[in-house]
């Protein structure tokens, strides 16, 4: 089953990337950055509640989580067209070339992210004590991918 899932995730990341090659690399990078900016915006609202920087609001937490969940239905694979790494476009992106060298690992990290979003969505409205660990787990999936596939600077 694991091999089937890995193959499916790899295919999901490779085929759309081929289709995205028709777009200029600069447009692909802007779209990729926009997608991840939207994810960050939703995550920031949840993290602020989890850290106590803003009061916990069950409705706002559920809305942020629902938005993240909707965004996980979008396949970002087309946002990873060849020729759009930091090595290809210095100063424009922090995406490391390792992404293109190891799509199966990227897919595994994406699956972990989607799973964490689902778990978060199921508890977002259940109080701060339920929200905090779910936000922490989700943040850990983001960090894991950033550690392996994102440069610290442009």
C-alpha atoms as a PDB file:
ATOM      1  CA  UNK A   1       0.000   0.000   0.000  1.00  0.00           C
ATOM      2  CA  UNK A   2       2.817   2.403   0.880  1.00  0.00           C
ATOM      3  CA  UNK A   3       4.459   1.833  -2.519  1.00  0.00           C
ATOM      4  CA  UNK A   4       1.142   2.534  -4.240  1.00  0.00           C
ATOM      5  CA  UNK A   5       0.691   5.760  -2.274  1.00  0.00           C
ATOM      6  CA  UNK A   6       4.254   6.866  -3.031  1.00  0.00           C
ATOM      7  CA  UNK A   7       3.771   6.121  -6.736  1.00  0.00           C
ATOM      8  CA  UNK A   8       0.489   8.029  -6.787  1.00  0.00           C
ATOM      9  CA  UNK A   9       2.004  11.026  -5.031  1.00  0.00           C
ATOM     10  CA  UNK A  10       5.006  10.999  -7.343  1.00  0.00           C
ATOM     11  CA  UNK A  11       2.748  10.907 -10.381  1.00  0.00           C
ATOM     12  CA  UNK A  12       0.619  13.689  -8.930  1.00  0.00           C
ATOM     13  CA  UNK A  13       3.732  15.848  -8.652  1.00  0.00           C
ATOM     14  CA  UNK A  14       5.306  14.988 -11.997  1.00  0.00           C
ATOM     15  CA  UNK A  15       2.454  15.136 -14.500  1.00  0.00           C
ATOM     16  CA  UNK A  16       1.148  18.609 -13.613  1.00  0.00           C
ATOM     17  CA  UNK A  17       4.718  19.915 -13.522  1.00  0.00           C
ATOM     18  CA  UNK A  18       5.099  18.920 -17.153  1.00  0.00           C
ATOM     19  CA  UNK A  19       1.913  20.841 -17.997  1.00  0.00           C
ATOM     20  CA  UNK A  20       3.152  23.910 -16.109  1.00  0.00           C
ATOM     21  CA  UNK A  21       6.266  24.060 -18.254  1.00  0.00           C
ATOM     22  CA  UNK A  22       4.271  26.041 -20.813  1.00  0.00           C
ATOM     23  CA  UNK A  23       4.036  28.959 -18.362  1.00  0.00           C
ATOM     24  CA  UNK A  24       7.019  31.286 -18.045  1.00  0.00           C
ATOM     25  CA  UNK A  25       9.177  30.268 -15.051  1.00  0.00           C
ATOM     26  CA  UNK A  26       8.641  33.660 -13.383  1.00  0.00           C
ATOM     27  CA  UNK A  27       4.868  33.099 -13.444  1.00  0.00           C
ATOM     28  CA  UNK A  28       5.250  29.622 -11.963  1.00  0.00           C
ATOM     29  CA  UNK A  29       7.387  30.983  -9.124  1.00  0.00           C
ATOM     30  CA  UNK A  30       4.910  33.806  -8.413  1.00  0.00           C
ATOM     31  CA  UNK A  31       2.024  31.322  -8.354  1.00  0.00           C
ATOM     32  CA  UNK A  32       3.940  28.976  -6.039  1.00  0.00           C
ATOM     33  CA  UNK A  33       4.797  31.834  -3.687  1.00  0.00           C
ATOM     34  CA  UNK A  34       1.183  33.002  -3.742  1.00  0.00           C
ATOM     35  CA  UNK A  35      -0.127  29.555  -2.848  1.00  0.00           C
ATOM     36  CA  UNK A  36       2.238  29.219   0.077  1.00  0.00           C
ATOM     37  CA  UNK A  37       1.516  32.796   1.186  1.00  0.00           C
ATOM     38  CA  UNK A  38      -2.161  31.894   1.446  1.00  0.00           C
ATOM     39  CA  UNK A  39      -1.319  28.808   3.497  1.00  0.00           C
ATOM     40  CA  UNK A  40       0.868  30.981   5.731  1.00  0.00           C
ATOM     41  CA  UNK A  41      -1.866  33.547   6.226  1.00  0.00           C
ATOM     42  CA  UNK A  42      -4.262  30.896   7.518  1.00  0.00           C
ATOM     43  CA  UNK A  43      -1.577  29.251   9.628  1.00  0.00           C
ATOM     44  CA  UNK A  44      -0.538  32.601  11.125  1.00  0.00           C
ATOM     45  CA  UNK A  45      -4.051  33.186  12.461  1.00  0.00           C
ATOM     46  CA  UNK A  46      -4.076  29.786  14.122  1.00  0.00           C
ATOM     47  CA  UNK A  47      -0.538  30.131  15.471  1.00  0.00           C
ATOM     48  CA  UNK A  48      -1.359  33.504  17.004  1.00  0.00           C
ATOM     49  CA  UNK A  49      -4.217  31.893  18.938  1.00  0.00           C
ATOM     50  CA  UNK A  50      -2.110  28.893  19.954  1.00  0.00           C
ATOM     51  CA  UNK A  51       0.659  31.186  21.244  1.00  0.00           C
ATOM     52  CA  UNK A  52      -1.789  33.391  23.129  1.00  0.00           C
ATOM     53  CA  UNK A  53      -0.971  36.435  21.003  1.00  0.00           C
ATOM     54  CA  UNK A  54      -4.664  36.843  20.223  1.00  0.00           C
ATOM     55  CA  UNK A  55      -7.635  35.468  22.142  1.00  0.00           C
ATOM     56  CA  UNK A  56      -8.880  32.047  21.095  1.00  0.00           C
ATOM     57  CA  UNK A  57     -11.944  32.339  18.882  1.00  0.00           C
ATOM     58  CA  UNK A  58     -13.574  29.027  17.996  1.00  0.00           C
ATOM     59  CA  UNK A  59     -15.283  30.378  14.889  1.00  0.00           C
ATOM     60  CA  UNK A  60     -12.127  32.019  13.579  1.00  0.00           C
ATOM     61  CA  UNK A  61     -10.107  28.875  14.310  1.00  0.00           C
ATOM     62  CA  UNK A  62     -12.619  26.733  12.434  1.00  0.00           C
ATOM     63  CA  UNK A  63     -12.596  29.174   9.508  1.00  0.00           C
ATOM     64  CA  UNK A  64      -8.784  29.156   9.285  1.00  0.00           C
ATOM     65  CA  UNK A  65      -8.726  25.361   9.478  1.00  0.00           C
ATOM     66  CA  UNK A  66     -11.485  25.032   6.882  1.00  0.00           C
ATOM     67  CA  UNK A  67      -9.585  27.316   4.512  1.00  0.00           C
ATOM     68  CA  UNK A  68      -6.451  25.214   4.964  1.00  0.00           C
ATOM     69  CA  UNK A  69      -8.475  22.084   4.317  1.00  0.00           C
ATOM     70  CA  UNK A  70      -9.857  23.502   1.081  1.00  0.00           C
ATOM     71  CA  UNK A  71      -6.355  24.444  -0.007  1.00  0.00           C
ATOM     72  CA  UNK A  72      -5.179  20.857   0.497  1.00  0.00           C
ATOM     73  CA  UNK A  73      -7.540  19.794  -2.272  1.00  0.00           C
ATOM     74  CA  UNK A  74      -5.455  21.802  -4.735  1.00  0.00           C
ATOM     75  CA  UNK A  75      -2.475  19.959  -6.170  1.00  0.00           C
ATOM     76  CA  UNK A  76       0.527  22.297  -6.049  1.00  0.00           C
ATOM     77  CA  UNK A  77       2.497  19.949  -8.314  1.00  0.00           C
ATOM     78  CA  UNK A  78       2.160  22.289 -11.281  1.00  0.00           C
ATOM     79  CA  UNK A  79       3.863  24.961  -9.216  1.00  0.00           C
ATOM     80  CA  UNK A  80       7.086  22.960  -9.359  1.00  0.00           C
ATOM     81  CA  UNK A  81       7.947  23.176 -13.021  1.00  0.00           C
ATOM     82  CA  UNK A  82      11.540  22.307 -13.876  1.00  0.00           C
ATOM     83  CA  UNK A  83      13.729  25.390 -14.116  1.00  0.00           C
ATOM     84  CA  UNK A  84      12.099  27.190 -11.178  1.00  0.00           C
ATOM     85  CA  UNK A  85      14.533  26.443  -8.354  1.00  0.00           C
ATOM     86  CA  UNK A  86      16.820  28.863  -6.562  1.00  0.00           C
ATOM     87  CA  UNK A  87      19.687  27.530  -8.676  1.00  0.00           C
ATOM     88  CA  UNK A  88      17.759  28.378 -11.855  1.00  0.00           C
ATOM     89  CA  UNK A  89      16.406  31.718 -10.664  1.00  0.00           C
ATOM     90  CA  UNK A  90      18.687  33.172  -7.972  1.00  0.00           C
ATOM     91  CA  UNK A  91      17.140  36.019  -6.067  1.00  0.00           C
ATOM     92  CA  UNK A  92      13.605  35.025  -7.082  1.00  0.00           C
ATOM     93  CA  UNK A  93      12.847  31.874  -5.085  1.00  0.00           C
ATOM     94  CA  UNK A  94      14.043  29.875  -2.106  1.00  0.00           C
ATOM     95  CA  UNK A  95      12.982  26.510  -3.581  1.00  0.00           C
ATOM     96  CA  UNK A  96      16.018  24.239  -3.422  1.00  0.00           C
ATOM     97  CA  UNK A  97      16.950  22.002  -6.375  1.00  0.00           C
ATOM     98  CA  UNK A  98      16.523  18.999  -4.053  1.00  0.00           C
ATOM     99  CA  UNK A  99      12.763  19.276  -4.679  1.00  0.00           C
ATOM    100  CA  UNK A 100      13.216  18.099  -8.246  1.00  0.00           C
ATOM    101  CA  UNK A 101      15.737  15.466  -7.214  1.00  0.00           C
ATOM    102  CA  UNK A 102      13.423  13.790  -4.711  1.00  0.00           C
ATOM    103  CA  UNK A 103       9.752  14.209  -5.587  1.00  0.00           C
ATOM    104  CA  UNK A 104       8.717  11.104  -3.617  1.00  0.00           C
ATOM    105  CA  UNK A 105      10.003  12.696  -0.401  1.00  0.00           C
ATOM    106  CA  UNK A 106       8.208  15.940  -1.272  1.00  0.00           C
ATOM    107  CA  UNK A 107       5.040  13.909  -1.786  1.00  0.00           C
ATOM    108  CA  UNK A 108       5.441  12.205   1.583  1.00  0.00           C
ATOM    109  CA  UNK A 109       5.817  15.569   3.285  1.00  0.00           C
ATOM    110  CA  UNK A 110       2.749  16.843   1.451  1.00  0.00           C
ATOM    111  CA  UNK A 111       0.772  13.833   2.655  1.00  0.00           C
ATOM    112  CA  UNK A 112       1.874  14.510   6.253  1.00  0.00           C
ATOM    113  CA  UNK A 113       0.800  18.146   5.858  1.00  0.00           C
ATOM    114  CA  UNK A 114      -2.643  17.145   4.531  1.00  0.00           C
ATOM    115  CA  UNK A 115      -3.081  14.670   7.382  1.00  0.00           C
ATOM    116  CA  UNK A 116      -2.159  17.321   9.964  1.00  0.00           C
ATOM    117  CA  UNK A 117      -4.596  19.803   8.383  1.00  0.00           C
ATOM    118  CA  UNK A 118      -7.359  17.200   8.631  1.00  0.00           C
ATOM    119  CA  UNK A 119      -6.574  16.580  12.294  1.00  0.00           C
ATOM    120  CA  UNK A 120      -6.486  20.315  12.970  1.00  0.00           C
ATOM    121  CA  UNK A 121      -9.819  20.866  11.243  1.00  0.00           C
ATOM    122  CA  UNK A 122     -11.419  18.205  13.421  1.00  0.00           C
ATOM    123  CA  UNK A 123     -10.446  19.990  16.678  1.00  0.00           C
ATOM    124  CA  UNK A 124     -10.095  23.676  15.758  1.00  0.00           C
ATOM    125  CA  UNK A 125     -13.369  24.656  17.416  1.00  0.00           C
ATOM    126  CA  UNK A 126     -12.884  22.498  20.509  1.00  0.00           C
ATOM    127  CA  UNK A 127     -10.935  24.973  22.609  1.00  0.00           C
ATOM    128  CA  UNK A 128      -7.388  26.167  23.005  1.00  0.00           C
ATOM    129  CA  UNK A 129      -6.198  22.964  24.677  1.00  0.00           C
ATOM    130  CA  UNK A 130      -7.223  20.999  21.576  1.00  0.00           C
ATOM    131  CA  UNK A 131      -5.951  23.619  19.142  1.00  0.00           C
ATOM    132  CA  UNK A 132      -2.417  23.996  20.466  1.00  0.00           C
ATOM    133  CA  UNK A 133      -1.077  20.486  19.803  1.00  0.00           C
ATOM    134  CA  UNK A 134      -2.807  20.326  16.409  1.00  0.00           C
ATOM    135  CA  UNK A 135      -1.230  23.638  15.372  1.00  0.00           C
ATOM    136  CA  UNK A 136       2.113  22.395  16.662  1.00  0.00           C
ATOM    137  CA  UNK A 137       1.859  19.214  14.594  1.00  0.00           C
ATOM    138  CA  UNK A 138       0.895  21.184  11.495  1.00  0.00           C
ATOM    139  CA  UNK A 139       3.734  23.629  12.041  1.00  0.00           C
ATOM    140  CA  UNK A 140       6.086  20.682  12.354  1.00  0.00           C
ATOM    141  CA  UNK A 141       5.096  19.441   8.901  1.00  0.00           C
ATOM    142  CA  UNK A 142       5.797  22.891   7.469  1.00  0.00           C
ATOM    143  CA  UNK A 143       9.164  23.055   9.209  1.00  0.00           C
ATOM    144  CA  UNK A 144      10.118  19.588   8.020  1.00  0.00           C
ATOM    145  CA  UNK A 145       9.571  20.546   4.403  1.00  0.00           C
ATOM    146  CA  UNK A 146      11.287  23.926   4.806  1.00  0.00           C
ATOM    147  CA  UNK A 147      14.299  22.264   6.441  1.00  0.00           C
ATOM    148  CA  UNK A 148      14.796  19.947   3.468  1.00  0.00           C
ATOM    149  CA  UNK A 149      13.555  21.916   0.494  1.00  0.00           C
ATOM    150  CA  UNK A 150      13.639  25.669   1.188  1.00  0.00           C
ATOM    151  CA  UNK A 151      16.662  27.942   1.436  1.00  0.00           C
ATOM    152  CA  UNK A 152      16.755  30.438   4.298  1.00  0.00           C
ATOM    153  CA  UNK A 153      17.270  33.314   1.863  1.00  0.00           C
ATOM    154  CA  UNK A 154      16.894  34.170  -1.790  1.00  0.00           C
END
